[in-house]
Amino acid sequence: MAIRIDTHTLERAAERGTDPEEILDVIETGVPIPARSCRLGKAKVYAFGRERNGRYYEHKRVEVLYTMEGEVTITVTVYVFYGKWD
């Protein structure tokens, strides 16, 4: 499966605290999540164990929204949430 990470996704990733490697990992091994507007989504929780913006977080949850064009996965955006998940 070919995956193309859109420029918008890379910009949001830098702002929100993730990187292209995690984006690819989420698409390849994450769990499906609901998405709107004929999009697909996957999410994965990662151990974080450090501070971000002055607060300590145990985990981060990375959610990637994407579309399919034939055999190519094209990212739309990425969201990152910080907290604790079991």
PDB file of N, CA and C in Angstrom:
ATOM      1  N   MET A   1       0.846  -1.177   0.000  1.00  0.00           N
ATOM      2  CA  MET A   1       0.000   0.000   0.000  1.00  0.00           C
ATOM      3  C   MET A   1       0.893   1.243   0.000  1.00  0.00           C
ATOM      4  N   ALA A   2       0.660   2.133  -0.925  1.00  0.00           N
ATOM      5  CA  ALA A   2       1.390   3.396  -0.984  1.00  0.00           C
ATOM      6  C   ALA A   2       0.695   4.413  -0.083  1.00  0.00           C
ATOM      7  N   ILE A   3       1.496   5.182   0.642  1.00  0.00           N
ATOM      8  CA  ILE A   3       0.964   6.207   1.533  1.00  0.00           C
ATOM      9  C   ILE A   3       1.614   7.534   1.178  1.00  0.00           C
ATOM     10  N   ARG A   4       0.784   8.549   0.937  1.00  0.00           N
ATOM     11  CA  ARG A   4       1.300   9.889   0.666  1.00  0.00           C
ATOM     12  C   ARG A   4       0.876  10.802   1.808  1.00  0.00           C
ATOM     13  N   ILE A   5       1.854  11.371   2.495  1.00  0.00           N
ATOM     14  CA  ILE A   5       1.557  12.292   3.595  1.00  0.00           C
ATOM     15  C   ILE A   5       1.493  13.699   3.019  1.00  0.00           C
ATOM     16  N   ASP A   6       0.316  14.290   3.074  1.00  0.00           N
ATOM     17  CA  ASP A   6       0.072  15.617   2.531  1.00  0.00           C
ATOM     18  C   ASP A   6       0.840  16.688   3.320  1.00  0.00           C
ATOM     19  N   THR A   7       1.182  17.779   2.657  1.00  0.00           N
ATOM     20  CA  THR A   7       1.907  18.885   3.289  1.00  0.00           C
ATOM     21  C   THR A   7       1.143  19.436   4.488  1.00  0.00           C
ATOM     22  N   HIS A   8      -0.168  19.573   4.363  1.00  0.00           N
ATOM     23  CA  HIS A   8      -0.984  20.058   5.478  1.00  0.00           C
ATOM     24  C   HIS A   8      -0.820  19.145   6.694  1.00  0.00           C
ATOM     25  N   THR A   9      -0.809  17.845   6.469  1.00  0.00           N
ATOM     26  CA  THR A   9      -0.650  16.887   7.565  1.00  0.00           C
ATOM     27  C   THR A   9       0.699  17.076   8.237  1.00  0.00           C
ATOM     28  N   LEU A  10       1.752  17.266   7.460  1.00  0.00           N
ATOM     29  CA  LEU A  10       3.090  17.460   8.031  1.00  0.00           C
ATOM     30  C   LEU A  10       3.159  18.744   8.858  1.00  0.00           C
ATOM     31  N   GLU A  11       2.503  19.793   8.398  1.00  0.00           N
ATOM     32  CA  GLU A  11       2.476  21.046   9.162  1.00  0.00           C
ATOM     33  C   GLU A  11       1.754  20.854  10.485  1.00  0.00           C
ATOM     34  N   ARG A  12       0.588  20.196  10.458  1.00  0.00           N
ATOM     35  CA  ARG A  12      -0.157  19.948  11.695  1.00  0.00           C
ATOM     36  C   ARG A  12       0.630  19.018  12.620  1.00  0.00           C
ATOM     37  N   ALA A  13       1.325  18.039  12.060  1.00  0.00           N
ATOM     38  CA  ALA A  13       2.117  17.105  12.872  1.00  0.00           C
ATOM     39  C   ALA A  13       3.173  17.859  13.672  1.00  0.00           C
ATOM     40  N   ALA A  14       3.874  18.777  13.018  1.00  0.00           N
ATOM     41  CA  ALA A  14       4.910  19.549  13.708  1.00  0.00           C
ATOM     42  C   ALA A  14       4.319  20.400  14.826  1.00  0.00           C
ATOM     43  N   GLU A  15       3.160  20.990  14.597  1.00  0.00           N
ATOM     44  CA  GLU A  15       2.503  21.819  15.611  1.00  0.00           C
ATOM     45  C   GLU A  15       1.994  20.991  16.783  1.00  0.00           C
ATOM     46  N   ARG A  16       1.527  19.782  16.488  1.00  0.00           N
ATOM     47  CA  ARG A  16       0.805  18.994  17.489  1.00  0.00           C
ATOM     48  C   ARG A  16       1.640  17.934  18.190  1.00  0.00           C
ATOM     49  N   GLY A  17       2.872  17.724  17.739  1.00  0.00           N
ATOM     50  CA  GLY A  17       3.763  16.844  18.487  1.00  0.00           C
ATOM     51  C   GLY A  17       3.896  15.419  17.979  1.00  0.00           C
ATOM     52  N   THR A  18       3.806  15.229  16.680  1.00  0.00           N
ATOM     53  CA  THR A  18       4.050  13.906  16.113  1.00  0.00           C
ATOM     54  C   THR A  18       4.958  14.057  14.897  1.00  0.00           C
ATOM     55  N   ASP A  19       5.223  12.965  14.220  1.00  0.00           N
ATOM     56  CA  ASP A  19       6.151  13.002  13.091  1.00  0.00           C
ATOM     57  C   ASP A  19       5.706  12.021  12.008  1.00  0.00           C
ATOM     58  N   PRO A  20       6.343  12.072  10.837  1.00  0.00           N
ATOM     59  CA  PRO A  20       5.942  11.186   9.741  1.00  0.00           C
ATOM     60  C   PRO A  20       6.008   9.699  10.084  1.00  0.00           C
ATOM     61  N   GLU A  21       6.972   9.291  10.898  1.00  0.00           N
ATOM     62  CA  GLU A  21       7.081   7.875  11.260  1.00  0.00           C
ATOM     63  C   GLU A  21       5.861   7.410  12.045  1.00  0.00           C
ATOM     64  N   GLU A  22       5.403   8.231  12.991  1.00  0.00           N
ATOM     65  CA  GLU A  22       4.205   7.861  13.747  1.00  0.00           C
ATOM     66  C   GLU A  22       2.962   7.891  12.858  1.00  0.00           C
ATOM     67  N   ILE A  23       2.889   8.833  11.951  1.00  0.00           N
ATOM     68  CA  ILE A  23       1.744   8.894  11.038  1.00  0.00           C
ATOM     69  C   ILE A  23       1.659   7.604  10.228  1.00  0.00           C
ATOM     70  N   LEU A  24       2.777   7.169   9.670  1.00  0.00           N
ATOM     71  CA  LEU A  24       2.799   5.916   8.904  1.00  0.00           C
ATOM     72  C   LEU A  24       2.425   4.731   9.785  1.00  0.00           C
ATOM     73  N   ASP A  25       2.947   4.701  11.014  1.00  0.00           N
ATOM     74  CA  ASP A  25       2.653   3.603  11.934  1.00  0.00           C
ATOM     75  C   ASP A  25       1.163   3.547  12.262  1.00  0.00           C
ATOM     76  N   VAL A  26       0.545   4.711  12.483  1.00  0.00           N
ATOM     77  CA  VAL A  26      -0.888   4.744  12.789  1.00  0.00           C
ATOM     78  C   VAL A  26      -1.687   4.183  11.613  1.00  0.00           C
ATOM     79  N   ILE A  27      -1.366   4.596  10.402  1.00  0.00           N
ATOM     80  CA  ILE A  27      -2.094   4.111   9.230  1.00  0.00           C
ATOM     81  C   ILE A  27      -1.920   2.600   9.072  1.00  0.00           C
ATOM     82  N   GLU A  28      -0.713   2.112   9.324  1.00  0.00           N
ATOM     83  CA  GLU A  28      -0.427   0.692   9.112  1.00  0.00           C
ATOM     84  C   GLU A  28      -0.917  -0.206  10.243  1.00  0.00           C
ATOM     85  N   THR A  29      -0.874   0.277  11.501  1.00  0.00           N
ATOM     86  CA  THR A  29      -1.165  -0.614  12.624  1.00  0.00           C
ATOM     87  C   THR A  29      -2.216  -0.086  13.598  1.00  0.00           C
ATOM     88  N   GLY A  30      -2.748   1.112  13.358  1.00  0.00           N
ATOM     89  CA  GLY A  30      -3.728   1.703  14.268  1.00  0.00           C
ATOM     90  C   GLY A  30      -5.092   1.047  14.165  1.00  0.00           C
ATOM     91  N   VAL A  31      -5.968   1.423  15.074  1.00  0.00           N
ATOM     92  CA  VAL A  31      -7.336   0.903  15.076  1.00  0.00           C
ATOM     93  C   VAL A  31      -8.249   1.889  14.352  1.00  0.00           C
ATOM     94  N   PRO A  32      -9.223   1.386  13.608  1.00  0.00           N
ATOM     95  CA  PRO A  32     -10.147   2.277  12.891  1.00  0.00           C
ATOM     96  C   PRO A  32     -10.966   3.134  13.856  1.00  0.00           C
ATOM     97  N   ILE A  33     -11.206   4.380  13.462  1.00  0.00           N
ATOM     98  CA  ILE A  33     -12.044   5.299  14.223  1.00  0.00           C
ATOM     99  C   ILE A  33     -13.039   5.943  13.252  1.00  0.00           C
ATOM    100  N   PRO A  34     -14.149   6.466  13.772  1.00  0.00           N
ATOM    101  CA  PRO A  34     -15.115   7.132  12.899  1.00  0.00           C
ATOM    102  C   PRO A  34     -14.535   8.406  12.296  1.00  0.00           C
ATOM    103  N   ALA A  35     -14.932   8.699  11.068  1.00  0.00           N
ATOM    104  CA  ALA A  35     -14.524   9.929  10.394  1.00  0.00           C
ATOM    105  C   ALA A  35     -15.698  10.418   9.549  1.00  0.00           C
ATOM    106  N   ARG A  36     -15.705  11.706   9.249  1.00  0.00           N
ATOM    107  CA  ARG A  36     -16.798  12.295   8.473  1.00  0.00           C
ATOM    108  C   ARG A  36     -16.364  12.540   7.028  1.00  0.00           C
ATOM    109  N   SER A  37     -17.330  12.903   6.219  1.00  0.00           N
ATOM    110  CA  SER A  37     -17.110  13.350   4.845  1.00  0.00           C
ATOM    111  C   SER A  37     -16.361  12.337   3.983  1.00  0.00           C
ATOM    112  N   CYS A  38     -16.792  11.094   4.037  1.00  0.00           N
ATOM    113  CA  CYS A  38     -16.196  10.027   3.208  1.00  0.00           C
ATOM    114  C   CYS A  38     -14.709   9.828   3.481  1.00  0.00           C
ATOM    115  N   ARG A  39     -14.275  10.154   4.675  1.00  0.00           N
ATOM    116  CA  ARG A  39     -12.880   9.944   5.055  1.00  0.00           C
ATOM    117  C   ARG A  39     -12.782   8.713   5.933  1.00  0.00           C
ATOM    118  N   LEU A  40     -11.563   8.240   6.079  1.00  0.00           N
ATOM    119  CA  LEU A  40     -11.270   7.124   6.966  1.00  0.00           C
ATOM    120  C   LEU A  40     -10.383   7.649   8.082  1.00  0.00           C
ATOM    121  N   GLY A  41     -10.342   6.935   9.191  1.00  0.00           N
ATOM    122  CA  GLY A  41      -9.491   7.353  10.294  1.00  0.00           C
ATOM    123  C   GLY A  41      -8.942   6.171  11.044  1.00  0.00           C
ATOM    124  N   LYS A  42      -7.750   6.356  11.588  1.00  0.00           N
ATOM    125  CA  LYS A  42      -7.142   5.367  12.478  1.00  0.00           C
ATOM    126  C   LYS A  42      -6.470   6.102  13.626  1.00  0.00           C
ATOM    127  N   ALA A  43      -6.350   5.410  14.761  1.00  0.00           N
ATOM    128  CA  ALA A  43      -5.745   6.002  15.950  1.00  0.00           C
ATOM    129  C   ALA A  43      -4.844   4.986  16.627  1.00  0.00           C
ATOM    130  N   LYS A  44      -3.881   5.507  17.373  1.00  0.00           N
ATOM    131  CA  LYS A  44      -2.984   4.654  18.151  1.00  0.00           C
ATOM    132  C   LYS A  44      -2.471   5.461  19.339  1.00  0.00           C
ATOM    133  N   VAL A  45      -2.350   4.788  20.480  1.00  0.00           N
ATOM    134  CA  VAL A  45      -1.837   5.415  21.695  1.00  0.00           C
ATOM    135  C   VAL A  45      -0.372   5.033  21.859  1.00  0.00           C
ATOM    136  N   TYR A  46       0.438   6.038  22.152  1.00  0.00           N
ATOM    137  CA  TYR A  46       1.874   5.848  22.365  1.00  0.00           C
ATOM    138  C   TYR A  46       2.246   6.252  23.786  1.00  0.00           C
ATOM    139  N   ALA A  47       3.233   5.582  24.351  1.00  0.00           N
ATOM    140  CA  ALA A  47       3.792   6.023  25.629  1.00  0.00           C
ATOM    141  C   ALA A  47       4.471   7.365  25.389  1.00  0.00           C
ATOM    142  N   PHE A  48       4.274   8.295  26.289  1.00  0.00           N
ATOM    143  CA  PHE A  48       4.862   9.631  26.135  1.00  0.00           C
ATOM    144  C   PHE A  48       5.795   9.922  27.307  1.00  0.00           C
ATOM    145  N   GLY A  49       5.273   9.938  28.517  1.00  0.00           N
ATOM    146  CA  GLY A  49       6.070  10.038  29.728  1.00  0.00           C
ATOM    147  C   GLY A  49       6.964  11.253  29.860  1.00  0.00           C
ATOM    148  N   ARG A  50       6.449  12.409  29.469  1.00  0.00           N
ATOM    149  CA  ARG A  50       7.228  13.638  29.651  1.00  0.00           C
ATOM    150  C   ARG A  50       6.290  14.842  29.603  1.00  0.00           C
ATOM    151  N   GLU A  51       6.871  16.029  29.710  1.00  0.00           N
ATOM    152  CA  GLU A  51       6.071  17.245  29.716  1.00  0.00           C
ATOM    153  C   GLU A  51       5.854  17.777  28.307  1.00  0.00           C
ATOM    154  N   ARG A  52       4.706  18.393  28.153  1.00  0.00           N
ATOM    155  CA  ARG A  52       4.395  19.153  26.937  1.00  0.00           C
ATOM    156  C   ARG A  52       3.631  20.375  27.387  1.00  0.00           C
ATOM    157  N   ASN A  53       4.099  21.530  26.985  1.00  0.00           N
ATOM    158  CA  ASN A  53       3.482  22.807  27.371  1.00  0.00           C
ATOM    159  C   ASN A  53       3.309  22.916  28.886  1.00  0.00           C
ATOM    160  N   GLY A  54       4.326  22.475  29.626  1.00  0.00           N
ATOM    161  CA  GLY A  54       4.332  22.640  31.074  1.00  0.00           C
ATOM    162  C   GLY A  54       3.550  21.617  31.873  1.00  0.00           C
ATOM    163  N   ARG A  55       2.980  20.602  31.217  1.00  0.00           N
ATOM    164  CA  ARG A  55       2.235  19.563  31.932  1.00  0.00           C
ATOM    165  C   ARG A  55       2.790  18.198  31.563  1.00  0.00           C
ATOM    166  N   TYR A  56       2.767  17.291  32.541  1.00  0.00           N
ATOM    167  CA  TYR A  56       3.250  15.928  32.328  1.00  0.00           C
ATOM    168  C   TYR A  56       2.109  15.053  31.797  1.00  0.00           C
ATOM    169  N   TYR A  57       2.431  14.253  30.782  1.00  0.00           N
ATOM    170  CA  TYR A  57       1.453  13.327  30.207  1.00  0.00           C
ATOM    171  C   TYR A  57       2.068  11.944  30.066  1.00  0.00           C
ATOM    172  N   GLU A  58       1.304  10.922  30.431  1.00  0.00           N
ATOM    173  CA  GLU A  58       1.781   9.545  30.306  1.00  0.00           C
ATOM    174  C   GLU A  58       1.707   9.040  28.873  1.00  0.00           C
ATOM    175  N   HIS A  59       0.663   9.453  28.152  1.00  0.00           N
ATOM    176  CA  HIS A  59       0.448   8.941  26.797  1.00  0.00           C
ATOM    177  C   HIS A  59       0.122  10.068  25.833  1.00  0.00           C
ATOM    178  N   LYS A  60       0.217   9.738  24.556  1.00  0.00           N
ATOM    179  CA  LYS A  60      -0.356  10.598  23.522  1.00  0.00           C
ATOM    180  C   LYS A  60      -1.103   9.698  22.553  1.00  0.00           C
ATOM    181  N   ARG A  61      -2.234  10.190  22.081  1.00  0.00           N
ATOM    182  CA  ARG A  61      -3.063   9.460  21.120  1.00  0.00           C
ATOM    183  C   ARG A  61      -2.973  10.209  19.795  1.00  0.00           C
ATOM    184  N   VAL A  62      -2.502   9.508  18.783  1.00  0.00           N
ATOM    185  CA  VAL A  62      -2.360  10.101  17.453  1.00  0.00           C
ATOM    186  C   VAL A  62      -3.494   9.572  16.577  1.00  0.00           C
ATOM    187  N   GLU A  63      -4.253  10.485  15.973  1.00  0.00           N
ATOM    188  CA  GLU A  63      -5.343  10.128  15.074  1.00  0.00           C
ATOM    189  C   GLU A  63      -5.031  10.689  13.689  1.00  0.00           C
ATOM    190  N   VAL A  64      -5.100   9.841  12.686  1.00  0.00           N
ATOM    191  CA  VAL A  64      -4.832  10.254  11.305  1.00  0.00           C
ATOM    192  C   VAL A  64      -6.105  10.076  10.494  1.00  0.00           C
ATOM    193  N   LEU A  65      -6.512  11.135   9.802  1.00  0.00           N
ATOM    194  CA  LEU A  65      -7.637  11.069   8.879  1.00  0.00           C
ATOM    195  C   LEU A  65      -7.071  11.021   7.473  1.00  0.00           C
ATOM    196  N   TYR A  66      -7.674  10.188   6.630  1.00  0.00           N
ATOM    197  CA  TYR A  66      -7.124   9.994   5.293  1.00  0.00           C
ATOM    198  C   TYR A  66      -8.220   9.584   4.318  1.00  0.00           C
ATOM    199  N   THR A  67      -7.874   9.612   3.039  1.00  0.00           N
ATOM    200  CA  THR A  67      -8.756   9.143   1.968  1.00  0.00           C
ATOM    201  C   THR A  67      -7.990   8.114   1.149  1.00  0.00           C
ATOM    202  N   MET A  68      -8.731   7.385   0.345  1.00  0.00           N
ATOM    203  CA  MET A  68      -8.117   6.404  -0.560  1.00  0.00           C
ATOM    204  C   MET A  68      -8.385   6.844  -1.991  1.00  0.00           C
ATOM    205  N   GLU A  69      -7.348   6.876  -2.795  1.00  0.00           N
ATOM    206  CA  GLU A  69      -7.477   7.119  -4.232  1.00  0.00           C
ATOM    207  C   GLU A  69      -6.862   5.917  -4.922  1.00  0.00           C
ATOM    208  N   GLY A  70      -7.710   4.993  -5.306  1.00  0.00           N
ATOM    209  CA  GLY A  70      -7.214   3.734  -5.856  1.00  0.00           C
ATOM    210  C   GLY A  70      -6.474   2.977  -4.780  1.00  0.00           C
ATOM    211  N   GLU A  71      -5.230   2.678  -5.024  1.00  0.00           N
ATOM    212  CA  GLU A  71      -4.387   1.950  -4.073  1.00  0.00           C
ATOM    213  C   GLU A  71      -3.540   2.880  -3.198  1.00  0.00           C
ATOM    214  N   VAL A  72      -3.750   4.196  -3.310  1.00  0.00           N
ATOM    215  CA  VAL A  72      -2.922   5.163  -2.584  1.00  0.00           C
ATOM    216  C   VAL A  72      -3.706   5.754  -1.423  1.00  0.00           C
ATOM    217  N   THR A  73      -3.095   5.718  -0.246  1.00  0.00           N
ATOM    218  CA  THR A  73      -3.640   6.356   0.950  1.00  0.00           C
ATOM    219  C   THR A  73      -3.082   7.776   0.999  1.00  0.00           C
ATOM    220  N   ILE A  74      -3.971   8.761   1.104  1.00  0.00           N
ATOM    221  CA  ILE A  74      -3.548  10.159   1.150  1.00  0.00           C
ATOM    222  C   ILE A  74      -4.057  10.770   2.446  1.00  0.00           C
ATOM    223  N   THR A  75      -3.140  11.261   3.258  1.00  0.00           N
ATOM    224  CA  THR A  75      -3.539  11.827   4.542  1.00  0.00           C
ATOM    225  C   THR A  75      -4.254  13.159   4.336  1.00  0.00           C
ATOM    226  N   VAL A  76      -5.180  13.446   5.247  1.00  0.00           N
ATOM    227  CA  VAL A  76      -5.912  14.711   5.236  1.00  0.00           C
ATOM    228  C   VAL A  76      -5.389  15.592   6.363  1.00  0.00           C
ATOM    229  N   THR A  77      -5.317  15.031   7.572  1.00  0.00           N
ATOM    230  CA  THR A  77      -4.793  15.756   8.720  1.00  0.00           C
ATOM    231  C   THR A  77      -4.443  14.779   9.825  1.00  0.00           C
ATOM    232  N   VAL A  78      -3.826  15.299  10.873  1.00  0.00           N
ATOM    233  CA  VAL A  78      -3.474  14.486  12.043  1.00  0.00           C
ATOM    234  C   VAL A  78      -3.831  15.275  13.300  1.00  0.00           C
ATOM    235  N   TYR A  79      -4.362  14.564  14.289  1.00  0.00           N
ATOM    236  CA  TYR A  79      -4.667  15.148  15.591  1.00  0.00           C
ATOM    237  C   TYR A  79      -3.863  14.407  16.647  1.00  0.00           C
ATOM    238  N   VAL A  80      -3.432  15.130  17.676  1.00  0.00           N
ATOM    239  CA  VAL A  80      -2.695  14.511  18.775  1.00  0.00           C
ATOM    240  C   VAL A  80      -3.342  14.964  20.079  1.00  0.00           C
ATOM    241  N   PHE A  81      -3.667  13.988  20.923  1.00  0.00           N
ATOM    242  CA  PHE A  81      -4.267  14.257  22.228  1.00  0.00           C
ATOM    243  C   PHE A  81      -3.330  13.709  23.302  1.00  0.00           C
ATOM    244  N   TYR A  82      -3.200  14.435  24.374  1.00  0.00           N
ATOM    245  CA  TYR A  82      -2.314  14.038  25.466  1.00  0.00           C
ATOM    246  C   TYR A  82      -3.121  13.711  26.702  1.00  0.00           C
ATOM    247  N   GLY A  83      -2.735  12.649  27.398  1.00  0.00           N
ATOM    248  CA  GLY A  83      -3.446  12.245  28.606  1.00  0.00           C
ATOM    249  C   GLY A  83      -3.015  10.859  29.036  1.00  0.00           C
ATOM    250  N   LYS A  84      -3.982  10.090  29.532  1.00  0.00           N
ATOM    251  CA  LYS A  84      -3.709   8.726  29.967  1.00  0.00           C
ATOM    252  C   LYS A  84      -4.811   7.809  29.432  1.00  0.00           C
ATOM    253  N   TRP A  85      -4.402   6.777  28.744  1.00  0.00           N
ATOM    254  CA  TRP A  85      -5.330   5.778  28.219  1.00  0.00           C
ATOM    255  C   TRP A  85      -4.916   4.408  28.722  1.00  0.00           C
ATOM    256  N   ASP A  86      -5.896   3.552  28.965  1.00  0.00           N
ATOM    257  CA  ASP A  86      -5.583   2.182  29.416  1.00  0.00           C
ATOM    258  C   ASP A  86      -5.474   1.241  28.246  1.00  0.00           C
TER     259      ASP A  86
END
